[in-house]
C-alpha cells in the first residue's frame, strides 16, 4: 500500500526524457563556461609570459574580472554569454596590444 503513495520520477515520465534533456542542457551550459574560462586563463598566461614588465598586474586583473563576468553569466543562465564573451574578447585584444 505504501508503494502507491510514493512520488517518483517514473510516475511522471517513465521514459526519462525530461531528465535526459535537463542533464544535456546542464552539460552544454557548463561546457561553454569551461571553454570561456580556459580562454581567459590562457590569455592571462600569454600576458604573463610574453608581456612587458608590469603586465603581471594586467594579467591578474583581467583574469579576475573575466572570471567574475563568467560567474555572473552562469548565475543569470540566459545562455547568451554576452558579458563573459565580451570581457574575454576585450581582454584578448588588450593582451595582444601589450604583447606586440
N, C-alpha and C. Protein backbone atom coordinates (compact mmCIF):
# COMPACT_ATOMS: atom_id res chain seq x y z
N UNK A 1 0.80 -1.19 0.00
CA UNK A 1 0.00 0.00 0.00
C UNK A 1 0.85 1.26 0.00
N UNK A 2 2.01 1.20 0.64
CA UNK A 2 2.85 2.39 0.71
C UNK A 2 3.50 2.70 -0.64
N UNK A 3 3.64 1.69 -1.50
CA UNK A 3 4.26 1.96 -2.79
C UNK A 3 3.36 2.77 -3.71
N UNK A 4 2.08 2.81 -3.48
CA UNK A 4 1.17 3.60 -4.30
C UNK A 4 1.18 5.07 -3.90
N UNK A 5 1.66 5.37 -2.72
CA UNK A 5 1.67 6.74 -2.25
C UNK A 5 2.98 7.47 -2.55
N UNK A 6 3.93 6.77 -3.09
CA UNK A 6 5.22 7.39 -3.35
C UNK A 6 5.16 8.29 -4.58
N UNK A 7 5.95 9.34 -4.50
CA UNK A 7 6.08 10.26 -5.63
C UNK A 7 7.44 10.02 -6.26
N UNK A 8 7.48 9.41 -7.41
CA UNK A 8 8.74 9.12 -8.08
C UNK A 8 8.74 9.71 -9.48
N UNK A 9 9.91 9.76 -10.07
CA UNK A 9 10.03 10.28 -11.43
C UNK A 9 9.40 9.33 -12.44
N UNK A 10 9.29 8.05 -12.10
CA UNK A 10 8.70 7.10 -13.04
C UNK A 10 7.22 7.35 -13.25
N UNK A 11 6.54 7.90 -12.27
CA UNK A 11 5.12 8.18 -12.45
C UNK A 11 4.90 9.39 -13.34
N UNK A 12 5.87 10.31 -13.38
CA UNK A 12 5.72 11.49 -14.23
C UNK A 12 6.20 11.23 -15.66
N UNK A 13 7.37 10.66 -15.79
CA UNK A 13 7.96 10.44 -17.11
C UNK A 13 8.67 9.09 -17.11
N UNK A 14 7.98 8.04 -17.51
CA UNK A 14 8.61 6.73 -17.42
C UNK A 14 9.78 6.54 -18.37
N UNK A 15 9.84 7.28 -19.47
CA UNK A 15 10.94 7.10 -20.41
C UNK A 15 12.19 7.85 -19.99
N UNK A 16 12.08 8.84 -19.11
CA UNK A 16 13.23 9.58 -18.61
C UNK A 16 13.73 10.66 -19.55
N UNK A 17 12.95 11.06 -20.53
CA UNK A 17 13.41 12.08 -21.48
C UNK A 17 13.55 13.45 -20.84
N UNK A 18 12.72 13.75 -19.85
CA UNK A 18 12.83 15.04 -19.17
C UNK A 18 14.14 15.15 -18.42
N UNK A 19 14.51 14.08 -17.73
CA UNK A 19 15.78 14.08 -17.00
C UNK A 19 16.96 14.13 -17.96
N UNK A 20 16.84 13.44 -19.07
CA UNK A 20 17.91 13.43 -20.06
C UNK A 20 18.10 14.82 -20.65
N UNK A 21 17.02 15.51 -20.99
CA UNK A 21 17.12 16.84 -21.57
C UNK A 21 17.71 17.83 -20.57
N UNK A 22 17.34 17.74 -19.31
CA UNK A 22 17.89 18.63 -18.29
C UNK A 22 19.38 18.38 -18.08
N UNK A 23 19.79 17.11 -18.11
CA UNK A 23 21.20 16.78 -17.98
C UNK A 23 22.00 17.30 -19.16
N UNK A 24 21.46 17.15 -20.36
CA UNK A 24 22.14 17.63 -21.56
C UNK A 24 22.29 19.15 -21.54
N UNK A 25 21.22 19.86 -21.17
CA UNK A 25 21.30 21.31 -21.11
C UNK A 25 22.31 21.79 -20.07
N UNK A 26 22.38 21.12 -18.94
CA UNK A 26 23.37 21.46 -17.93
C UNK A 26 24.78 21.20 -18.40
N UNK A 27 24.96 20.09 -19.11
CA UNK A 27 26.29 19.76 -19.64
C UNK A 27 26.75 20.80 -20.65
N UNK A 28 25.88 21.20 -21.55
CA UNK A 28 26.23 22.19 -22.57
C UNK A 28 26.54 23.53 -21.91
N UNK A 29 25.74 23.91 -20.92
CA UNK A 29 25.93 25.18 -20.22
C UNK A 29 27.31 25.24 -19.58
N UNK A 30 27.67 24.21 -18.85
CA UNK A 30 28.95 24.23 -18.14
C UNK A 30 30.13 23.94 -19.07
N UNK A 31 29.91 23.29 -20.20
CA UNK A 31 30.97 23.09 -21.18
C UNK A 31 31.34 24.42 -21.84
N UNK A 32 30.35 25.23 -22.16
CA UNK A 32 30.61 26.55 -22.72
C UNK A 32 31.32 27.43 -21.69
N UNK A 33 30.87 27.36 -20.44
CA UNK A 33 31.51 28.14 -19.38
C UNK A 33 32.97 27.72 -19.20
N UNK A 34 33.24 26.44 -19.29
CA UNK A 34 34.61 25.94 -19.16
C UNK A 34 35.48 26.41 -20.32
N UNK A 35 34.93 26.43 -21.52
CA UNK A 35 35.70 26.91 -22.68
C UNK A 35 36.04 28.39 -22.54
N UNK A 36 35.11 29.19 -22.09
CA UNK A 36 35.37 30.62 -21.90
C UNK A 36 36.40 30.82 -20.79
N UNK A 37 36.28 30.05 -19.71
CA UNK A 37 37.24 30.15 -18.61
C UNK A 37 38.64 29.76 -19.08
N UNK A 38 38.76 28.73 -19.89
CA UNK A 38 40.06 28.33 -20.42
C UNK A 38 40.65 29.41 -21.31
N UNK A 39 39.81 30.06 -22.10
CA UNK A 39 40.28 31.15 -22.97
C UNK A 39 40.81 32.31 -22.13
N UNK A 40 40.10 32.66 -21.08
CA UNK A 40 40.54 33.76 -20.21
C UNK A 40 41.85 33.40 -19.52
N UNK A 41 41.95 32.18 -19.03
CA UNK A 41 43.17 31.75 -18.34
C UNK A 41 44.36 31.70 -19.30
N UNK A 42 44.16 31.19 -20.50
CA UNK A 42 45.25 31.14 -21.48
C UNK A 42 45.68 32.53 -21.93
N UNK A 43 44.73 33.45 -22.03
CA UNK A 43 45.08 34.82 -22.37
C UNK A 43 45.93 35.45 -21.28
N UNK A 44 45.56 35.21 -20.04
CA UNK A 44 46.36 35.78 -18.95
C UNK A 44 47.74 35.12 -18.88
N UNK A 45 47.83 33.83 -19.17
CA UNK A 45 49.13 33.17 -19.19
C UNK A 45 50.02 33.71 -20.30
N UNK A 46 49.45 34.00 -21.45
CA UNK A 46 50.23 34.61 -22.53
C UNK A 46 50.71 36.00 -22.13
N UNK A 47 49.87 36.72 -21.42
CA UNK A 47 50.28 38.03 -20.95
C UNK A 47 51.39 37.93 -19.92
N UNK A 48 51.32 36.92 -19.05
CA UNK A 48 52.38 36.72 -18.06
C UNK A 48 53.71 36.37 -18.75
N UNK A 49 53.66 35.53 -19.75
CA UNK A 49 54.88 35.02 -20.37
C UNK A 49 55.50 36.01 -21.35
N UNK A 50 54.69 36.68 -22.15
CA UNK A 50 55.22 37.47 -23.25
C UNK A 50 55.01 38.97 -23.09
N UNK A 51 54.33 39.38 -22.03
CA UNK A 51 54.06 40.80 -21.84
C UNK A 51 55.27 41.55 -21.32
N UNK A 52 55.21 42.87 -21.40
CA UNK A 52 56.31 43.68 -20.87
C UNK A 52 56.32 43.65 -19.35
N UNK A 53 57.34 44.24 -18.77
CA UNK A 53 57.39 44.28 -17.31
C UNK A 53 56.21 45.09 -16.78
N UNK A 54 55.62 44.63 -15.72
CA UNK A 54 54.44 45.28 -15.17
C UNK A 54 53.14 44.70 -15.70
N UNK A 55 53.21 43.73 -16.59
CA UNK A 55 51.99 43.14 -17.14
C UNK A 55 51.40 42.09 -16.21
N UNK A 56 52.10 41.80 -15.13
CA UNK A 56 51.58 40.86 -14.14
C UNK A 56 50.28 41.40 -13.52
N UNK A 57 50.26 42.69 -13.27
CA UNK A 57 49.06 43.33 -12.73
C UNK A 57 47.90 43.24 -13.71
N UNK A 58 48.17 43.51 -14.99
CA UNK A 58 47.12 43.44 -16.01
C UNK A 58 46.62 42.01 -16.21
N UNK A 59 47.53 41.06 -16.13
CA UNK A 59 47.14 39.66 -16.30
C UNK A 59 46.22 39.19 -15.19
N UNK A 60 46.60 39.48 -13.94
CA UNK A 60 45.74 39.08 -12.83
C UNK A 60 44.43 39.86 -12.82
N UNK A 61 44.50 41.14 -13.18
CA UNK A 61 43.27 41.94 -13.24
C UNK A 61 42.29 41.40 -14.27
N UNK A 62 42.80 41.10 -15.46
CA UNK A 62 41.93 40.54 -16.49
C UNK A 62 41.40 39.17 -16.13
N UNK A 63 42.24 38.38 -15.47
CA UNK A 63 41.81 37.05 -15.04
C UNK A 63 40.68 37.14 -14.03
N UNK A 64 40.82 38.00 -13.05
CA UNK A 64 39.79 38.13 -12.02
C UNK A 64 38.51 38.73 -12.59
N UNK A 65 38.62 39.78 -13.39
CA UNK A 65 37.43 40.40 -13.98
C UNK A 65 36.73 39.44 -14.93
N UNK A 66 37.51 38.71 -15.72
CA UNK A 66 36.91 37.75 -16.66
C UNK A 66 36.19 36.62 -15.96
N UNK A 67 36.77 36.10 -14.90
CA UNK A 67 36.12 35.00 -14.18
C UNK A 67 34.89 35.48 -13.41
N UNK A 68 34.92 36.71 -12.91
CA UNK A 68 33.72 37.26 -12.25
C UNK A 68 32.61 37.44 -13.28
N UNK A 69 32.94 37.94 -14.47
CA UNK A 69 31.94 38.07 -15.52
C UNK A 69 31.38 36.72 -15.92
N UNK A 70 32.22 35.70 -15.94
CA UNK A 70 31.76 34.35 -16.26
C UNK A 70 30.82 33.82 -15.19
N UNK A 71 31.14 34.05 -13.94
CA UNK A 71 30.26 33.62 -12.85
C UNK A 71 28.91 34.32 -12.94
N UNK A 72 28.93 35.60 -13.28
CA UNK A 72 27.66 36.33 -13.43
C UNK A 72 26.84 35.72 -14.56
N UNK A 73 27.47 35.42 -15.70
CA UNK A 73 26.73 34.81 -16.81
C UNK A 73 26.18 33.43 -16.46
N UNK A 74 26.94 32.65 -15.72
CA UNK A 74 26.45 31.32 -15.32
C UNK A 74 25.27 31.46 -14.39
N UNK A 75 25.34 32.39 -13.45
CA UNK A 75 24.25 32.57 -12.48
C UNK A 75 23.00 33.13 -13.14
N UNK A 76 23.16 34.00 -14.14
CA UNK A 76 22.00 34.54 -14.84
C UNK A 76 21.31 33.43 -15.63
N UNK A 77 22.08 32.63 -16.33
CA UNK A 77 21.55 31.48 -17.03
C UNK A 77 20.76 31.78 -18.28
N UNK A 78 21.02 32.93 -18.91
CA UNK A 78 20.27 33.27 -20.12
C UNK A 78 20.75 32.50 -21.34
N UNK A 79 22.01 32.05 -21.31
CA UNK A 79 22.54 31.29 -22.43
C UNK A 79 23.15 32.15 -23.51
N UNK A 80 23.20 33.46 -23.32
CA UNK A 80 23.76 34.34 -24.34
C UNK A 80 25.27 34.47 -24.24
N UNK A 81 25.81 34.45 -23.04
CA UNK A 81 27.24 34.57 -22.76
C UNK A 81 27.80 35.87 -23.30
N UNK A 82 27.00 36.93 -23.33
CA UNK A 82 27.46 38.20 -23.88
C UNK A 82 28.46 38.89 -22.95
N UNK A 83 28.20 38.89 -21.67
CA UNK A 83 29.08 39.57 -20.73
C UNK A 83 30.45 38.91 -20.68
N UNK A 84 30.49 37.63 -20.43
CA UNK A 84 31.78 36.95 -20.30
C UNK A 84 32.50 36.84 -21.63
N UNK A 85 31.78 36.64 -22.70
CA UNK A 85 32.40 36.59 -24.03
C UNK A 85 32.97 37.93 -24.43
N UNK A 86 32.25 39.00 -24.12
CA UNK A 86 32.73 40.34 -24.42
C UNK A 86 33.95 40.71 -23.60
N UNK A 87 33.92 40.37 -22.32
CA UNK A 87 35.08 40.66 -21.46
C UNK A 87 36.28 39.84 -21.92
N UNK A 88 36.07 38.59 -22.29
CA UNK A 88 37.18 37.75 -22.76
C UNK A 88 37.76 38.29 -24.06
N UNK A 89 36.92 38.75 -24.96
CA UNK A 89 37.40 39.29 -26.23
C UNK A 89 38.17 40.60 -26.00
N UNK A 90 37.65 41.47 -25.14
CA UNK A 90 38.36 42.71 -24.85
C UNK A 90 39.69 42.46 -24.15
N UNK A 91 39.70 41.48 -23.26
CA UNK A 91 40.95 41.13 -22.57
C UNK A 91 41.97 40.58 -23.55
N UNK A 92 41.52 39.77 -24.50
CA UNK A 92 42.44 39.23 -25.51
C UNK A 92 43.00 40.33 -26.40
N UNK A 93 42.17 41.29 -26.78
CA UNK A 93 42.65 42.41 -27.60
C UNK A 93 43.64 43.27 -26.81
N UNK A 94 43.35 43.49 -25.53
CA UNK A 94 44.24 44.26 -24.68
C UNK A 94 45.58 43.55 -24.51
N UNK A 95 45.52 42.23 -24.32
CA UNK A 95 46.75 41.46 -24.18
C UNK A 95 47.56 41.47 -25.48
N UNK A 96 46.86 41.41 -26.61
CA UNK A 96 47.56 41.44 -27.90
C UNK A 96 48.25 42.79 -28.12
N UNK A 97 47.62 43.87 -27.66
CA UNK A 97 48.26 45.17 -27.80
C UNK A 97 49.49 45.28 -26.89
N UNK A 98 49.43 44.70 -25.71
CA UNK A 98 50.58 44.77 -24.80
C UNK A 98 51.74 43.89 -25.26
N UNK A 99 51.42 42.76 -25.82
CA UNK A 99 52.48 41.82 -26.21
C UNK A 99 53.20 42.29 -27.47
N UNK A 100 52.48 42.84 -28.40
CA UNK A 100 53.13 43.22 -29.67
C UNK A 100 53.89 44.52 -29.59
